[in-house]
C-alpha cells in the first residue's frame, strides 16, 4: 500500500507545489505521462479558471521511503476530469489511485488516461470504465532550427526584451475569442499570475507597430520535451502566418536550451499544417458510461 497525502490547502503555490512540479519534470519524457507535462501544471495553477476549492482533493501517493511516485490531479474548472500521473507502473498503486478518484468524485469519476499507459487502461476497463473519446498529443522533433517568414511590418520580441503585461493579457484574451478587454484579475489571481513570469515559460510575441498580434508560450526547464501552451492570434491578424512564426520561434528558443522535441495537447489542424504529428492519444474514461 502507498500512503496518500492531500494537497494541504486552497493555496495555489504552497510547499507541495514544488514537490509536484519536480515530480512532473522527472516523468515528462515518459510517454504515458506526456499529456500532463509540468508546464501544463504550472499554466493550470496560474489560470484564472482554476477552482482553488478543488486543490485539497488532489492527492500525492508516496512509497515506503516517502518518495512521490504518483499524483491524482484535477484540471482548471473542469470538475469531471482527473489525471493519474505515475513514475512506476505498479498495479497496486494504480488501483489505489483509481479507488481514490471513485470515492472522491463518485458522481462523475471521469479519468484521462494515455492510451500508451496499457496497465492503467486495462485496469480502467476492468473497473467498468468506458473510453468515450480520445484527444491527441502532437509532437514536433527539433533536430535543427525551424525556419519561417514574417509578414512585412511584423517583428518578434527579443528573448531578453521587457514584456508589456497588459498587451500580453489582451492578446491571449482576444486570441481565444473574447471581445473587448480582459477583466481585471482578482488579487488572488493576480498574485498567482506572477508565476508566469518565470524564465522557464518562454514567451514569444509577434508585433506590429508595438502592438501584440500573436503569442506562443513554450515551457522548458531540461530534459527532452518542451510543452506548448498557449497559442493565440488576434482575429484581425489571422491567416498571415503569425501562428507558425511564434510557435516555431518559441520551440527554437527551447531547442537552444536543450529541448529535443515539443508537444501540444490538441487535434487542431493548425498544428498538423505546421509539421506536428501524433505522439500519443489520451482517452476520456467514464465510470459506468455516465
Protein backbone atom coordinates (compact mmCIF):
# COMPACT_ATOMS: atom_id res chain seq x y z
CA UNK A 1 0.00 0.00 0.00
CA UNK A 2 1.04 3.56 -0.67
CA UNK A 3 0.48 6.47 1.66
CA UNK A 4 -1.80 9.28 0.49
CA UNK A 5 -1.32 12.96 1.23
CA UNK A 6 -3.82 15.55 0.04
CA UNK A 7 -2.89 18.99 -1.17
CA UNK A 8 -2.94 20.77 2.17
CA UNK A 9 -4.99 23.86 1.42
CA UNK A 10 -6.50 26.01 -1.32
CA UNK A 11 -3.32 27.99 -1.90
CA UNK A 12 -2.04 27.53 -5.44
CA UNK A 13 1.70 27.62 -4.79
CA UNK A 14 2.14 26.06 -1.39
CA UNK A 15 5.11 23.94 -0.28
CA UNK A 16 3.73 20.86 -2.04
CA UNK A 17 3.69 22.66 -5.39
CA UNK A 18 7.48 22.36 -5.68
CA UNK A 19 7.33 18.63 -4.94
CA UNK A 20 4.68 18.05 -7.63
CA UNK A 21 6.46 20.35 -10.10
CA UNK A 22 9.72 18.42 -9.62
CA UNK A 23 7.93 15.07 -9.89
CA UNK A 24 6.25 16.04 -13.17
CA UNK A 25 9.58 17.28 -14.51
CA UNK A 26 11.20 13.92 -13.82
CA UNK A 27 8.47 11.98 -15.63
CA UNK A 28 7.97 14.45 -18.51
CA UNK A 29 9.73 12.19 -21.01
CA UNK A 30 7.77 9.06 -20.04
CA UNK A 31 5.26 8.71 -22.88
CA UNK A 32 2.31 7.66 -20.77
CA UNK A 33 2.53 10.92 -18.78
CA UNK A 34 3.20 13.32 -21.64
CA UNK A 35 -0.35 14.66 -21.68
CA UNK A 36 0.23 16.29 -18.28
CA UNK A 37 3.62 17.98 -18.64
CA UNK A 38 4.88 20.13 -15.76
CA UNK A 39 4.25 23.18 -17.98
CA UNK A 40 0.58 22.26 -18.14
CA UNK A 41 0.54 22.04 -14.36
CA UNK A 42 2.18 25.45 -13.95
CA UNK A 43 -0.14 27.05 -16.52
CA UNK A 44 -3.13 25.49 -14.75
CA UNK A 45 -2.03 26.69 -11.32
CA UNK A 46 -1.85 30.29 -12.54
CA UNK A 47 -5.04 30.12 -14.62
CA UNK A 48 -7.96 32.38 -13.60
CA UNK A 49 -10.36 29.45 -14.12
CA UNK A 50 -8.61 27.22 -11.62
CA UNK A 51 -11.09 26.09 -8.98
CA UNK A 52 -8.91 26.54 -5.91
CA UNK A 53 -11.52 24.77 -3.78
CA UNK A 54 -10.61 21.60 -5.69
CA UNK A 55 -6.94 21.75 -4.77
CA UNK A 56 -7.30 19.89 -1.42
CA UNK A 57 -8.86 17.00 -3.33
CA UNK A 58 -5.65 16.48 -5.32
CA UNK A 59 -3.60 13.65 -3.85
CA UNK A 60 0.04 12.64 -3.65
CA UNK A 61 0.98 8.95 -3.41
CA UNK A 62 4.24 8.01 -1.71
CA UNK A 63 6.10 4.74 -1.32
CA UNK A 64 7.50 3.37 1.95
CA UNK A 65 10.60 5.56 1.60
CA UNK A 66 8.43 8.67 1.35
CA UNK A 67 9.20 9.13 -2.35
CA UNK A 68 6.45 10.63 -4.52
CA UNK A 69 5.52 8.02 -7.12
CA UNK A 70 2.02 9.11 -8.15
CA UNK A 71 -0.31 12.11 -8.21
CA UNK A 72 -4.03 12.41 -8.81
CA UNK A 73 -4.73 15.86 -10.25
CA UNK A 74 -7.88 17.73 -11.28
CA UNK A 75 -7.82 20.30 -14.08
CA UNK A 76 -8.78 24.03 -14.01
CA UNK A 77 -12.54 24.48 -13.61
CA UNK A 78 -13.49 21.16 -15.21
CA UNK A 79 -14.73 19.07 -12.29
CA UNK A 80 -15.24 15.95 -14.41
CA UNK A 81 -11.59 15.47 -15.28
CA UNK A 82 -8.95 13.62 -13.28
CA UNK A 83 -5.39 12.72 -14.25
CA UNK A 84 -3.46 9.78 -12.80
CA UNK A 85 0.27 10.55 -13.15
CA UNK A 86 2.81 7.96 -12.02
CA UNK A 87 6.51 7.17 -12.21
CA UNK A 88 6.05 3.40 -11.84
CA UNK A 89 3.53 1.06 -13.44
CA UNK A 90 2.52 -0.84 -10.35
CA UNK A 91 -0.93 -2.41 -10.28
CA UNK A 92 -1.37 -1.76 -6.56
CA UNK A 93 -0.51 1.93 -6.97
CA UNK A 94 -2.79 2.42 -9.98
CA UNK A 95 -5.64 0.57 -8.30
CA UNK A 96 -5.28 2.73 -5.23
CA UNK A 97 -5.29 5.89 -7.36
CA UNK A 98 -8.42 4.78 -9.22
CA UNK A 99 -10.15 3.95 -5.94
CA UNK A 100 -9.28 7.41 -4.63
CA UNK A 101 -10.96 9.05 -7.65
CA UNK A 102 -14.14 6.96 -7.44
CA UNK A 103 -14.51 7.67 -3.73
CA UNK A 104 -13.67 11.35 -4.06
CA UNK A 105 -15.84 12.07 -7.09
CA UNK A 106 -18.45 9.31 -7.15
CA UNK A 107 -20.95 11.20 -9.33
CA UNK A 108 -18.70 11.70 -12.36
CA UNK A 109 -15.40 9.82 -11.87
CA UNK A 110 -14.02 10.75 -15.28
CA UNK A 111 -10.35 9.89 -15.78
CA UNK A 112 -7.96 11.00 -18.51
CA UNK A 113 -5.51 8.21 -19.33
CA UNK A 114 -2.95 7.98 -22.10
CA UNK A 115 -3.68 5.02 -24.37
CA UNK A 116 0.00 4.05 -24.21
CA UNK A 117 -0.48 3.54 -20.45
CA UNK A 118 -1.53 -0.05 -21.08
CA UNK A 119 -1.72 -1.20 -17.46
CA UNK A 120 -3.89 1.73 -16.38
CA UNK A 121 -6.20 1.37 -19.39
CA UNK A 122 -6.63 -2.34 -18.69
CA UNK A 123 -7.46 -1.64 -15.06
CA UNK A 124 -9.98 1.03 -16.06
CA UNK A 125 -11.73 -1.37 -18.42
CA UNK A 126 -11.84 -4.00 -15.69
CA UNK A 127 -13.33 -1.50 -13.24
CA UNK A 128 -16.29 -0.72 -15.53
CA UNK A 129 -14.87 2.48 -17.04
CA UNK A 130 -15.79 3.17 -20.66
CA UNK A 131 -13.49 5.05 -23.07
CA UNK A 132 -15.75 7.63 -24.72
CA UNK A 133 -13.30 9.60 -26.87
CA UNK A 134 -9.63 10.39 -27.29
CA UNK A 135 -7.55 13.51 -27.87
CA UNK A 136 -4.13 13.68 -29.48
CA UNK A 137 -0.77 14.69 -28.11
CA UNK A 138 1.08 16.10 -31.11
CA UNK A 139 4.83 16.50 -31.32
CA UNK A 140 7.48 18.09 -33.49
CA UNK A 141 11.11 16.97 -33.47
CA UNK A 142 13.75 19.67 -33.09
CA UNK A 143 16.92 18.36 -34.76
CA UNK A 144 17.50 21.73 -36.37
CA UNK A 145 16.32 25.34 -36.41
CA UNK A 146 12.79 25.76 -37.82
CA UNK A 147 12.58 28.49 -40.47
CA UNK A 148 9.65 30.85 -41.04
CA UNK A 149 8.78 34.17 -42.63
CA UNK A 150 7.11 37.12 -41.01
CA UNK A 151 4.77 39.39 -42.99
CA UNK A 152 6.10 42.83 -43.80
CA UNK A 153 5.86 45.22 -40.86
CA UNK A 154 5.88 42.48 -38.17
CA UNK A 155 8.70 41.55 -35.81
CA UNK A 156 9.25 39.24 -32.83
CA UNK A 157 10.26 40.24 -29.33
CA UNK A 158 13.84 39.53 -28.36
CA UNK A 159 14.40 36.82 -25.69
CA UNK A 160 15.50 39.40 -23.13
CA UNK A 161 13.01 42.14 -24.00
CA UNK A 162 10.62 43.62 -21.44
CA UNK A 163 7.07 42.35 -21.82
CA UNK A 164 4.03 44.61 -21.82
CA UNK A 165 1.81 42.73 -19.36
CA UNK A 166 -1.43 44.45 -20.39
CA UNK A 167 -0.86 43.59 -24.05
CA UNK A 168 0.14 40.06 -23.06
CA UNK A 169 -3.21 39.56 -21.32
CA UNK A 170 -5.05 41.21 -24.19
CA UNK A 171 -3.58 39.06 -26.98
CA UNK A 172 -4.50 35.88 -25.07
CA UNK A 173 -7.97 37.24 -24.23
CA UNK A 174 -8.79 38.23 -27.81
CA UNK A 175 -6.92 35.32 -29.34
CA UNK A 176 -9.21 32.91 -27.52
CA UNK A 177 -12.32 34.55 -28.92
CA UNK A 178 -13.23 37.05 -26.22
CA UNK A 179 -14.25 40.57 -27.15
CA UNK A 180 -13.16 43.82 -25.57
CA UNK A 181 -10.56 43.90 -22.84
CA UNK A 182 -9.98 41.20 -20.23
CA UNK A 183 -11.48 41.82 -16.79
CA UNK A 184 -9.11 42.86 -14.07
CA UNK A 185 -7.94 39.76 -12.19
CA UNK A 186 -8.76 39.34 -8.54
CA UNK A 187 -5.97 39.92 -6.05
CA UNK A 188 -5.59 36.16 -5.63
CA UNK A 189 -5.37 35.53 -9.40
CA UNK A 190 -3.02 38.49 -9.95
CA UNK A 191 -0.69 37.08 -7.31
CA UNK A 192 -0.79 33.64 -8.93
CA UNK A 193 -0.11 35.02 -12.38
CA UNK A 194 3.17 36.49 -11.18
CA UNK A 195 4.34 32.88 -11.50
CA UNK A 196 4.00 33.16 -15.29
CA UNK A 197 7.00 35.49 -15.31
CA UNK A 198 9.41 32.60 -14.71
CA UNK A 199 12.15 32.18 -17.33
CA UNK A 200 11.09 28.56 -17.94
CA UNK A 201 7.96 29.94 -19.63
CA UNK A 202 9.40 31.11 -22.96
CA UNK A 203 7.21 33.90 -24.33
CA UNK A 204 7.23 34.88 -28.00
CA UNK A 205 5.11 37.70 -29.40
CA UNK A 206 4.59 38.82 -32.99
CA UNK A 207 4.18 42.59 -33.06
CA UNK A 208 3.31 45.35 -35.48
CA UNK A 209 3.90 48.99 -34.56
CA UNK A 210 4.49 47.85 -30.98
CA UNK A 211 1.11 46.08 -30.72
CA UNK A 212 0.98 42.37 -29.88
CA UNK A 213 -0.77 40.35 -32.58
CA UNK A 214 0.12 36.73 -31.71
CA UNK A 215 1.70 34.79 -28.86
CA UNK A 216 3.14 31.36 -28.18
CA UNK A 217 4.39 30.07 -24.86
CA UNK A 218 6.79 27.13 -24.58
CA UNK A 219 7.60 25.58 -21.20
CA UNK A 220 11.05 24.06 -20.81
CA UNK A 221 13.48 23.51 -17.95
CA UNK A 222 15.52 20.49 -19.03
CA UNK A 223 15.09 17.02 -20.47
CA UNK A 224 13.89 16.25 -23.97
CA UNK A 225 10.43 17.79 -24.02
CA UNK A 226 9.12 21.34 -24.30
CA UNK A 227 5.39 21.95 -23.85
CA UNK A 228 3.44 24.44 -25.99
CA UNK A 229 0.76 26.46 -24.14
CA UNK A 230 -0.88 28.80 -25.09
CA UNK A 231 -1.00 29.82 -28.77
CA UNK A 232 -3.19 32.77 -29.71
CA UNK A 233 -3.58 35.21 -32.61
CA UNK A 234 -5.99 38.16 -32.53
CA UNK A 235 -8.77 37.84 -35.15
CA UNK A 236 -7.70 40.68 -37.47
CA UNK A 237 -4.23 39.22 -37.95
CA UNK A 238 -5.10 35.59 -38.62
CA UNK A 239 -4.15 33.93 -41.89
CA UNK A 240 -0.82 35.76 -42.14
CA UNK A 241 1.47 33.04 -40.83
CA UNK A 242 1.91 34.60 -37.41
CA UNK A 243 0.84 31.46 -35.57
CA UNK A 244 3.50 29.40 -37.32
CA UNK A 245 6.09 32.12 -36.68
CA UNK A 246 5.52 32.38 -32.92
CA UNK A 247 5.32 28.60 -32.44
CA UNK A 248 8.50 27.97 -34.42
CA UNK A 249 10.38 30.75 -32.65
CA UNK A 250 9.23 29.56 -29.21
CA UNK A 251 10.36 25.97 -29.83
CA UNK A 252 13.57 27.22 -31.46
CA UNK A 253 14.37 29.04 -28.23
CA UNK A 254 13.56 25.87 -26.26
CA UNK A 255 15.84 23.93 -28.61
CA UNK A 256 18.67 26.35 -27.87
CA UNK A 257 18.25 25.41 -24.20
CA UNK A 258 18.40 21.69 -24.95
CA UNK A 259 14.89 20.52 -25.97
CA UNK A 260 14.78 17.66 -28.47
CA UNK A 261 11.08 17.95 -29.24
CA UNK A 262 7.98 19.99 -28.42
CA UNK A 263 4.45 18.73 -27.74
CA UNK A 264 0.95 20.15 -27.62
CA UNK A 265 -2.33 18.60 -26.42
CA UNK A 266 -4.56 19.34 -29.40
CA UNK A 267 -6.26 17.97 -32.51
CA UNK A 268 -6.36 21.33 -34.29
CA UNK A 269 -5.42 21.17 -37.96
CA UNK A 270 -3.20 24.22 -37.50
CA UNK A 271 -0.60 22.17 -35.63
CA UNK A 272 -0.65 19.43 -38.24
CA UNK A 273 -0.16 22.01 -41.01
CA UNK A 274 2.99 23.27 -39.32
CA UNK A 275 4.50 19.78 -39.18
CA UNK A 276 3.34 18.28 -35.89
CA UNK A 277 2.44 14.59 -35.83
CA UNK A 278 0.70 12.31 -33.34
CA UNK A 279 2.82 11.13 -30.43
CA UNK A 280 0.06 9.53 -28.35
CA UNK A 281 -3.65 9.69 -27.57
CA UNK A 282 -5.40 10.49 -24.32
CA UNK A 283 -8.64 8.68 -23.63
CA UNK A 284 -11.53 10.04 -21.56
CA UNK A 285 -12.69 7.16 -19.37
CA UNK A 286 -16.09 7.46 -17.70
CA UNK A 287 -17.35 5.26 -14.87
CA UNK A 288 -20.39 3.17 -15.84
CA UNK A 289 -20.79 5.10 -19.08
CA UNK A 290 -22.10 8.20 -17.32
